[in-house]
Amino acid sequence: MAQSHLWVLEFERQSAPSIEPLMGYTSSDDTQTQVRMKFPTKEEAIAAAERMGVAYRVAEPHERKRFTISYSDNFSRTRRQPWTH
């Protein structure tokens, strides 16, 4: 199954990240931002969020633009940028 067709449940950050003064590393005490749960359908993702009592927001996927070009277009004189290896 391709990863692009899964619905993902992510937790939003509850506290701001802190910057460690010596090395400048960013850290946080909020470990839920590291959790990503994947579901095959939107309904299963919503049901899981409701079972856990988590407020959720659904972001619908955008339609992908498909560009169809042929191999010979790589060598076209009207190409915008030169094709090089």
PDB file of N, CA and C in Angstrom:
ATOM      1  N   MET A   1       0.853  -1.176   0.000  1.00  0.00           N
ATOM      2  CA  MET A   1       0.000   0.000   0.000  1.00  0.00           C
ATOM      3  C   MET A   1       0.899   1.240   0.000  1.00  0.00           C
ATOM      4  N   ALA A   2       0.611   2.155  -0.860  1.00  0.00           N
ATOM      5  CA  ALA A   2       1.403   3.385  -0.939  1.00  0.00           C
ATOM      6  C   ALA A   2       1.125   4.261   0.275  1.00  0.00           C
ATOM      7  N   GLN A   3       2.140   4.937   0.759  1.00  0.00           N
ATOM      8  CA  GLN A   3       2.003   5.784   1.943  1.00  0.00           C
ATOM      9  C   GLN A   3       1.135   7.009   1.675  1.00  0.00           C
ATOM     10  N   SER A   4       0.968   7.390   0.424  1.00  0.00           N
ATOM     11  CA  SER A   4       0.248   8.621   0.120  1.00  0.00           C
ATOM     12  C   SER A   4      -1.261   8.496   0.309  1.00  0.00           C
ATOM     13  N   HIS A   5      -1.779   7.268   0.446  1.00  0.00           N
ATOM     14  CA  HIS A   5      -3.224   7.101   0.570  1.00  0.00           C
ATOM     15  C   HIS A   5      -3.671   6.840   2.002  1.00  0.00           C
ATOM     16  N   LEU A   6      -2.788   7.057   2.952  1.00  0.00           N
ATOM     17  CA  LEU A   6      -3.139   6.839   4.348  1.00  0.00           C
ATOM     18  C   LEU A   6      -3.549   8.153   5.008  1.00  0.00           C
ATOM     19  N   TRP A   7      -4.409   8.047   6.003  1.00  0.00           N
ATOM     20  CA  TRP A   7      -4.803   9.197   6.810  1.00  0.00           C
ATOM     21  C   TRP A   7      -3.953   9.181   8.069  1.00  0.00           C
ATOM     22  N   VAL A   8      -3.430  10.332   8.457  1.00  0.00           N
ATOM     23  CA  VAL A   8      -2.488  10.423   9.568  1.00  0.00           C
ATOM     24  C   VAL A   8      -3.108  11.231  10.703  1.00  0.00           C
ATOM     25  N   LEU A   9      -3.006  10.685  11.910  1.00  0.00           N
ATOM     26  CA  LEU A   9      -3.448  11.388  13.114  1.00  0.00           C
ATOM     27  C   LEU A   9      -2.198  11.873  13.830  1.00  0.00           C
ATOM     28  N   GLU A  10      -2.044  13.202  13.902  1.00  0.00           N
ATOM     29  CA  GLU A  10      -0.893  13.815  14.564  1.00  0.00           C
ATOM     30  C   GLU A  10      -1.392  14.661  15.726  1.00  0.00           C
ATOM     31  N   PHE A  11      -0.606  14.723  16.764  1.00  0.00           N
ATOM     32  CA  PHE A  11      -0.947  15.546  17.920  1.00  0.00           C
ATOM     33  C   PHE A  11      -0.284  16.905  17.775  1.00  0.00           C
ATOM     34  N   GLU A  12      -1.013  17.958  18.132  1.00  0.00           N
ATOM     35  CA  GLU A  12      -0.448  19.300  18.064  1.00  0.00           C
ATOM     36  C   GLU A  12       0.408  19.558  19.294  1.00  0.00           C
ATOM     37  N   ARG A  13       1.361  20.442  19.136  1.00  0.00           N
ATOM     38  CA  ARG A  13       2.294  20.779  20.211  1.00  0.00           C
ATOM     39  C   ARG A  13       1.540  21.491  21.333  1.00  0.00           C
ATOM     40  N   GLN A  14       1.719  21.003  22.567  1.00  0.00           N
ATOM     41  CA  GLN A  14       1.053  21.583  23.731  1.00  0.00           C
ATOM     42  C   GLN A  14       1.906  22.640  24.427  1.00  0.00           C
ATOM     43  N   SER A  15       3.228  22.528  24.295  1.00  0.00           N
ATOM     44  CA  SER A  15       4.119  23.503  24.927  1.00  0.00           C
ATOM     45  C   SER A  15       5.183  23.927  23.923  1.00  0.00           C
ATOM     46  N   ALA A  16       5.684  25.125  24.095  1.00  0.00           N
ATOM     47  CA  ALA A  16       6.694  25.648  23.174  1.00  0.00           C
ATOM     48  C   ALA A  16       8.020  24.914  23.379  1.00  0.00           C
ATOM     49  N   PRO A  17       8.772  24.684  22.304  1.00  0.00           N
ATOM     50  CA  PRO A  17      10.078  24.047  22.472  1.00  0.00           C
ATOM     51  C   PRO A  17      11.049  24.998  23.163  1.00  0.00           C
ATOM     52  N   SER A  18      11.973  24.424  23.900  1.00  0.00           N
ATOM     53  CA  SER A  18      12.972  25.241  24.589  1.00  0.00           C
ATOM     54  C   SER A  18      14.328  25.044  23.925  1.00  0.00           C
ATOM     55  N   ILE A  19      15.148  26.071  23.972  1.00  0.00           N
ATOM     56  CA  ILE A  19      16.475  26.023  23.366  1.00  0.00           C
ATOM     57  C   ILE A  19      17.505  25.853  24.475  1.00  0.00           C
ATOM     58  N   GLU A  20      18.317  24.823  24.347  1.00  0.00           N
ATOM     59  CA  GLU A  20      19.356  24.542  25.326  1.00  0.00           C
ATOM     60  C   GLU A  20      20.451  25.581  25.158  1.00  0.00           C
ATOM     61  N   PRO A  21      20.841  26.308  26.212  1.00  0.00           N
ATOM     62  CA  PRO A  21      21.726  27.460  26.060  1.00  0.00           C
ATOM     63  C   PRO A  21      23.156  27.130  25.632  1.00  0.00           C
ATOM     64  N   LEU A  22      23.694  25.985  26.014  1.00  0.00           N
ATOM     65  CA  LEU A  22      25.089  25.685  25.706  1.00  0.00           C
ATOM     66  C   LEU A  22      25.291  25.336  24.234  1.00  0.00           C
ATOM     67  N   MET A  23      24.536  24.362  23.729  1.00  0.00           N
ATOM     68  CA  MET A  23      24.723  23.886  22.360  1.00  0.00           C
ATOM     69  C   MET A  23      23.691  24.446  21.384  1.00  0.00           C
ATOM     70  N   GLY A  24      22.588  24.973  21.886  1.00  0.00           N
ATOM     71  CA  GLY A  24      21.566  25.526  21.018  1.00  0.00           C
ATOM     72  C   GLY A  24      20.587  24.490  20.493  1.00  0.00           C
ATOM     73  N   TYR A  25      20.584  23.284  21.068  1.00  0.00           N
ATOM     74  CA  TYR A  25      19.653  22.249  20.644  1.00  0.00           C
ATOM     75  C   TYR A  25      18.236  22.632  21.044  1.00  0.00           C
ATOM     76  N   THR A  26      17.281  22.223  20.246  1.00  0.00           N
ATOM     77  CA  THR A  26      15.881  22.452  20.566  1.00  0.00           C
ATOM     78  C   THR A  26      15.330  21.201  21.230  1.00  0.00           C
ATOM     79  N   SER A  27      14.661  21.372  22.350  1.00  0.00           N
ATOM     80  CA  SER A  27      14.074  20.228  23.042  1.00  0.00           C
ATOM     81  C   SER A  27      12.674  20.586  23.505  1.00  0.00           C
ATOM     82  N   SER A  28      11.925  19.552  23.867  1.00  0.00           N
ATOM     83  CA  SER A  28      10.564  19.756  24.331  1.00  0.00           C
ATOM     84  C   SER A  28      10.211  18.649  25.310  1.00  0.00           C
ATOM     85  N   ASP A  29       9.351  18.961  26.256  1.00  0.00           N
ATOM     86  CA  ASP A  29       8.881  17.932  27.176  1.00  0.00           C
ATOM     87  C   ASP A  29       7.582  17.308  26.681  1.00  0.00           C
ATOM     88  N   ASP A  30       7.114  17.733  25.524  1.00  0.00           N
ATOM     89  CA  ASP A  30       5.877  17.236  24.940  1.00  0.00           C
ATOM     90  C   ASP A  30       6.213  16.107  23.965  1.00  0.00           C
ATOM     91  N   THR A  31       6.061  14.864  24.403  1.00  0.00           N
ATOM     92  CA  THR A  31       6.436  13.729  23.550  1.00  0.00           C
ATOM     93  C   THR A  31       5.329  13.307  22.594  1.00  0.00           C
ATOM     94  N   GLN A  32       4.129  13.822  22.764  1.00  0.00           N
ATOM     95  CA  GLN A  32       3.041  13.427  21.870  1.00  0.00           C
ATOM     96  C   GLN A  32       3.243  13.936  20.450  1.00  0.00           C
ATOM     97  N   THR A  33       4.048  14.972  20.258  1.00  0.00           N
ATOM     98  CA  THR A  33       4.282  15.472  18.902  1.00  0.00           C
ATOM     99  C   THR A  33       5.082  14.479  18.076  1.00  0.00           C
ATOM    100  N   GLN A  34       5.711  13.497  18.714  1.00  0.00           N
ATOM    101  CA  GLN A  34       6.474  12.484  18.000  1.00  0.00           C
ATOM    102  C   GLN A  34       5.599  11.335  17.519  1.00  0.00           C
ATOM    103  N   VAL A  35       4.360  11.268  17.977  1.00  0.00           N
ATOM    104  CA  VAL A  35       3.460  10.163  17.645  1.00  0.00           C
ATOM    105  C   VAL A  35       2.697  10.489  16.368  1.00  0.00           C
ATOM    106  N   ARG A  36       2.756   9.567  15.407  1.00  0.00           N
ATOM    107  CA  ARG A  36       1.983   9.682  14.164  1.00  0.00           C
ATOM    108  C   ARG A  36       1.288   8.354  13.931  1.00  0.00           C
ATOM    109  N   MET A  37      -0.027   8.371  13.971  1.00  0.00           N
ATOM    110  CA  MET A  37      -0.803   7.150  13.771  1.00  0.00           C
ATOM    111  C   MET A  37      -1.393   7.188  12.371  1.00  0.00           C
ATOM    112  N   LYS A  38      -1.241   6.092  11.623  1.00  0.00           N
ATOM    113  CA  LYS A  38      -1.710   6.028  10.238  1.00  0.00           C
ATOM    114  C   LYS A  38      -2.909   5.096  10.136  1.00  0.00           C
ATOM    115  N   PHE A  39      -3.891   5.515   9.322  1.00  0.00           N
ATOM    116  CA  PHE A  39      -5.121   4.757   9.149  1.00  0.00           C
ATOM    117  C   PHE A  39      -5.456   4.666   7.664  1.00  0.00           C
ATOM    118  N   PRO A  40      -6.064   3.553   7.232  1.00  0.00           N
ATOM    119  CA  PRO A  40      -6.409   3.418   5.814  1.00  0.00           C
ATOM    120  C   PRO A  40      -7.587   4.294   5.378  1.00  0.00           C
ATOM    121  N   THR A  41      -8.477   4.656   6.307  1.00  0.00           N
ATOM    122  CA  THR A  41      -9.626   5.484   5.935  1.00  0.00           C
ATOM    123  C   THR A  41      -9.759   6.673   6.885  1.00  0.00           C
ATOM    124  N   LYS A  42     -10.441   7.693   6.395  1.00  0.00           N
ATOM    125  CA  LYS A  42     -10.686   8.886   7.204  1.00  0.00           C
ATOM    126  C   LYS A  42     -11.589   8.559   8.388  1.00  0.00           C
ATOM    127  N   GLU A  43     -12.568   7.685   8.171  1.00  0.00           N
ATOM    128  CA  GLU A  43     -13.501   7.329   9.232  1.00  0.00           C
ATOM    129  C   GLU A  43     -12.795   6.631  10.393  1.00  0.00           C
ATOM    130  N   GLU A  44     -11.820   5.765  10.079  1.00  0.00           N
ATOM    131  CA  GLU A  44     -11.075   5.089  11.142  1.00  0.00           C
ATOM    132  C   GLU A  44     -10.228   6.076  11.933  1.00  0.00           C
ATOM    133  N   ALA A  45      -9.646   7.055  11.263  1.00  0.00           N
ATOM    134  CA  ALA A  45      -8.841   8.068  11.952  1.00  0.00           C
ATOM    135  C   ALA A  45      -9.712   8.912  12.874  1.00  0.00           C
ATOM    136  N   ILE A  46     -10.892   9.295  12.410  1.00  0.00           N
ATOM    137  CA  ILE A  46     -11.816  10.083  13.231  1.00  0.00           C
ATOM    138  C   ILE A  46     -12.298   9.265  14.423  1.00  0.00           C
ATOM    139  N   ALA A  47     -12.616   7.984  14.190  1.00  0.00           N
ATOM    140  CA  ALA A  47     -13.078   7.122  15.280  1.00  0.00           C
ATOM    141  C   ALA A  47     -11.995   6.960  16.346  1.00  0.00           C
ATOM    142  N   ALA A  48     -10.751   6.829  15.937  1.00  0.00           N
ATOM    143  CA  ALA A  48      -9.649   6.690  16.900  1.00  0.00           C
ATOM    144  C   ALA A  48      -9.486   7.968  17.715  1.00  0.00           C
ATOM    145  N   ALA A  49      -9.591   9.123  17.069  1.00  0.00           N
ATOM    146  CA  ALA A  49      -9.472  10.394  17.787  1.00  0.00           C
ATOM    147  C   ALA A  49     -10.606  10.554  18.793  1.00  0.00           C
ATOM    148  N   GLU A  50     -11.806  10.148  18.407  1.00  0.00           N
ATOM    149  CA  GLU A  50     -12.945  10.252  19.321  1.00  0.00           C
ATOM    150  C   GLU A  50     -12.823   9.264  20.479  1.00  0.00           C
ATOM    151  N   ARG A  51     -12.304   8.050  20.214  1.00  0.00           N
ATOM    152  CA  ARG A  51     -12.096   7.075  21.293  1.00  0.00           C
ATOM    153  C   ARG A  51     -11.097   7.586  22.328  1.00  0.00           C
ATOM    154  N   MET A  52     -10.070   8.302  21.858  1.00  0.00           N
ATOM    155  CA  MET A  52      -9.049   8.828  22.768  1.00  0.00           C
ATOM    156  C   MET A  52      -9.468  10.142  23.410  1.00  0.00           C
ATOM    157  N   GLY A  53     -10.579  10.719  22.949  1.00  0.00           N
ATOM    158  CA  GLY A  53     -11.043  11.991  23.499  1.00  0.00           C
ATOM    159  C   GLY A  53     -10.192  13.167  23.057  1.00  0.00           C
ATOM    160  N   VAL A  54      -9.661  13.093  21.851  1.00  0.00           N
ATOM    161  CA  VAL A  54      -8.775  14.128  21.324  1.00  0.00           C
ATOM    162  C   VAL A  54      -9.559  15.018  20.364  1.00  0.00           C
ATOM    163  N   ALA A  55      -9.422  16.327  20.516  1.00  0.00           N
ATOM    164  CA  ALA A  55     -10.019  17.243  19.544  1.00  0.00           C
ATOM    165  C   ALA A  55      -9.261  17.074  18.231  1.00  0.00           C
ATOM    166  N   TYR A  56      -9.975  17.033  17.125  1.00  0.00           N
ATOM    167  CA  TYR A  56      -9.321  16.778  15.846  1.00  0.00           C
ATOM    168  C   TYR A  56      -9.778  17.768  14.790  1.00  0.00           C
ATOM    169  N   ARG A  57      -8.970  17.878  13.754  1.00  0.00           N
ATOM    170  CA  ARG A  57      -9.259  18.718  12.592  1.00  0.00           C
ATOM    171  C   ARG A  57      -8.909  17.889  11.366  1.00  0.00           C
ATOM    172  N   VAL A  58      -9.813  17.807  10.403  1.00  0.00           N
ATOM    173  CA  VAL A  58      -9.588  17.009   9.201  1.00  0.00           C
ATOM    174  C   VAL A  58      -9.073  17.917   8.092  1.00  0.00           C
ATOM    175  N   ALA A  59      -7.926  17.573   7.549  1.00  0.00           N
ATOM    176  CA  ALA A  59      -7.358  18.300   6.409  1.00  0.00           C
ATOM    177  C   ALA A  59      -7.509  17.408   5.184  1.00  0.00           C
ATOM    178  N   GLU A  60      -8.380  17.802   4.285  1.00  0.00           N
ATOM    179  CA  GLU A  60      -8.615  17.014   3.073  1.00  0.00           C
ATOM    180  C   GLU A  60      -7.399  17.091   2.156  1.00  0.00           C
ATOM    181  N   PRO A  61      -7.084  16.000   1.466  1.00  0.00           N
ATOM    182  CA  PRO A  61      -5.928  16.028   0.557  1.00  0.00           C
ATOM    183  C   PRO A  61      -6.217  16.890  -0.671  1.00  0.00           C
ATOM    184  N   HIS A  62      -5.155  17.486  -1.197  1.00  0.00           N
ATOM    185  CA  HIS A  62      -5.275  18.293  -2.398  1.00  0.00           C
ATOM    186  C   HIS A  62      -5.158  17.403  -3.629  1.00  0.00           C
ATOM    187  N   GLU A  63      -5.826  17.804  -4.679  1.00  0.00           N
ATOM    188  CA  GLU A  63      -5.735  17.058  -5.933  1.00  0.00           C
ATOM    189  C   GLU A  63      -4.349  17.263  -6.530  1.00  0.00           C
ATOM    190  N   ARG A  64      -3.709  16.174  -6.930  1.00  0.00           N
ATOM    191  CA  ARG A  64      -2.368  16.265  -7.484  1.00  0.00           C
ATOM    192  C   ARG A  64      -2.425  16.680  -8.946  1.00  0.00           C
ATOM    193  N   LYS A  65      -1.490  17.539  -9.330  1.00  0.00           N
ATOM    194  CA  LYS A  65      -1.372  17.933 -10.724  1.00  0.00           C
ATOM    195  C   LYS A  65      -0.481  16.926 -11.432  1.00  0.00           C
ATOM    196  N   ARG A  66      -0.912  16.468 -12.575  1.00  0.00           N
ATOM    197  CA  ARG A  66      -0.121  15.512 -13.338  1.00  0.00           C
ATOM    198  C   ARG A  66       0.374  16.184 -14.607  1.00  0.00           C
ATOM    199  N   PHE A  67       1.654  16.061 -14.827  1.00  0.00           N
ATOM    200  CA  PHE A  67       2.269  16.607 -16.021  1.00  0.00           C
ATOM    201  C   PHE A  67       2.681  15.447 -16.909  1.00  0.00           C
ATOM    202  N   THR A  68       2.194  15.458 -18.129  1.00  0.00           N
ATOM    203  CA  THR A  68       2.586  14.406 -19.060  1.00  0.00           C
ATOM    204  C   THR A  68       3.509  15.014 -20.101  1.00  0.00           C
ATOM    205  N   ILE A  69       4.726  14.518 -20.121  1.00  0.00           N
ATOM    206  CA  ILE A  69       5.686  14.951 -21.124  1.00  0.00           C
ATOM    207  C   ILE A  69       6.344  13.714 -21.697  1.00  0.00           C
ATOM    208  N   SER A  70       6.898  13.850 -22.849  1.00  0.00           N
ATOM    209  CA  SER A  70       7.572  12.722 -23.471  1.00  0.00           C
ATOM    210  C   SER A  70       9.082  12.876 -23.311  1.00  0.00           C
ATOM    211  N   TYR A  71       9.790  11.811 -23.573  1.00  0.00           N
ATOM    212  CA  TYR A  71      11.244  11.827 -23.446  1.00  0.00           C
ATOM    213  C   TYR A  71      11.863  12.824 -24.414  1.00  0.00           C
ATOM    214  N   SER A  72      11.279  12.975 -25.581  1.00  0.00           N
ATOM    215  CA  SER A  72      11.839  13.893 -26.578  1.00  0.00           C
ATOM    216  C   SER A  72      11.752  15.349 -26.131  1.00  0.00           C
ATOM    217  N   ASP A  73      10.871  15.660 -25.179  1.00  0.00           N
ATOM    218  CA  ASP A  73      10.793  17.030 -24.666  1.00  0.00           C
ATOM    219  C   ASP A  73      12.074  17.444 -23.946  1.00  0.00           C
ATOM    220  N   ASN A  74      12.871  16.479 -23.503  1.00  0.00           N
ATOM    221  CA  ASN A  74      14.149  16.804 -22.870  1.00  0.00           C
ATOM    222  C   ASN A  74      15.104  17.483 -23.845  1.00  0.00           C
ATOM    223  N   PHE A  75      14.940  17.233 -25.129  1.00  0.00           N
ATOM    224  CA  PHE A  75      15.857  17.745 -26.137  1.00  0.00           C
ATOM    225  C   PHE A  75      15.228  18.827 -27.007  1.00  0.00           C
ATOM    226  N   SER A  76      14.084  19.324 -26.628  1.00  0.00           N
ATOM    227  CA  SER A  76      13.368  20.316 -27.417  1.00  0.00           C
ATOM    228  C   SER A  76      14.124  21.642 -27.457  1.00  0.00           C
ATOM    229  N   ARG A  77      14.051  22.331 -28.584  1.00  0.00           N
ATOM    230  CA  ARG A  77      14.682  23.648 -28.705  1.00  0.00           C
ATOM    231  C   ARG A  77      13.935  24.703 -27.896  1.00  0.00           C
ATOM    232  N   THR A  78      12.680  24.462 -27.604  1.00  0.00           N
ATOM    233  CA  THR A  78      11.877  25.430 -26.848  1.00  0.00           C
ATOM    234  C   THR A  78      11.915  25.157 -25.345  1.00  0.00           C
ATOM    235  N   ARG A  79      12.808  24.302 -24.913  1.00  0.00           N
ATOM    236  CA  ARG A  79      12.939  23.983 -23.486  1.00  0.00           C
ATOM    237  C   ARG A  79      13.402  25.225 -22.726  1.00  0.00           C
ATOM    238  N   ARG A  80      12.830  25.459 -21.536  1.00  0.00           N
ATOM    239  CA  ARG A  80      13.153  26.663 -20.767  1.00  0.00           C
ATOM    240  C   ARG A  80      14.569  26.622 -20.215  1.00  0.00           C
ATOM    241  N   GLN A  81      14.987  25.488 -19.730  1.00  0.00           N
ATOM    242  CA  GLN A  81      16.336  25.346 -19.190  1.00  0.00           C
ATOM    243  C   GLN A  81      17.059  24.258 -19.974  1.00  0.00           C
ATOM    244  N   PRO A  82      18.353  24.410 -20.183  1.00  0.00           N
ATOM    245  CA  PRO A  82      19.075  23.362 -20.906  1.00  0.00           C
ATOM    246  C   PRO A  82      19.088  22.062 -20.107  1.00  0.00           C
ATOM    247  N   TRP A  83      18.964  20.962 -20.809  1.00  0.00           N
ATOM    248  CA  TRP A  83      18.956  19.656 -20.169  1.00  0.00           C
ATOM    249  C   TRP A  83      20.369  19.115 -20.175  1.00  0.00           C
ATOM    250  N   THR A  84      20.931  18.912 -19.012  1.00  0.00           N
ATOM    251  CA  THR A  84      22.296  18.404 -18.918  1.00  0.00           C
ATOM    252  C   THR A  84      22.338  17.250 -17.940  1.00  0.00           C
ATOM    253  N   HIS A  85      23.415  16.519 -17.994  1.00  0.00           N
ATOM    254  CA  HIS A  85      23.610  15.422 -17.044  1.00  0.00           C
ATOM    255  C   HIS A  85      24.399  15.957 -15.933  1.00  0.00           C
TER     256      HIS A  85
END
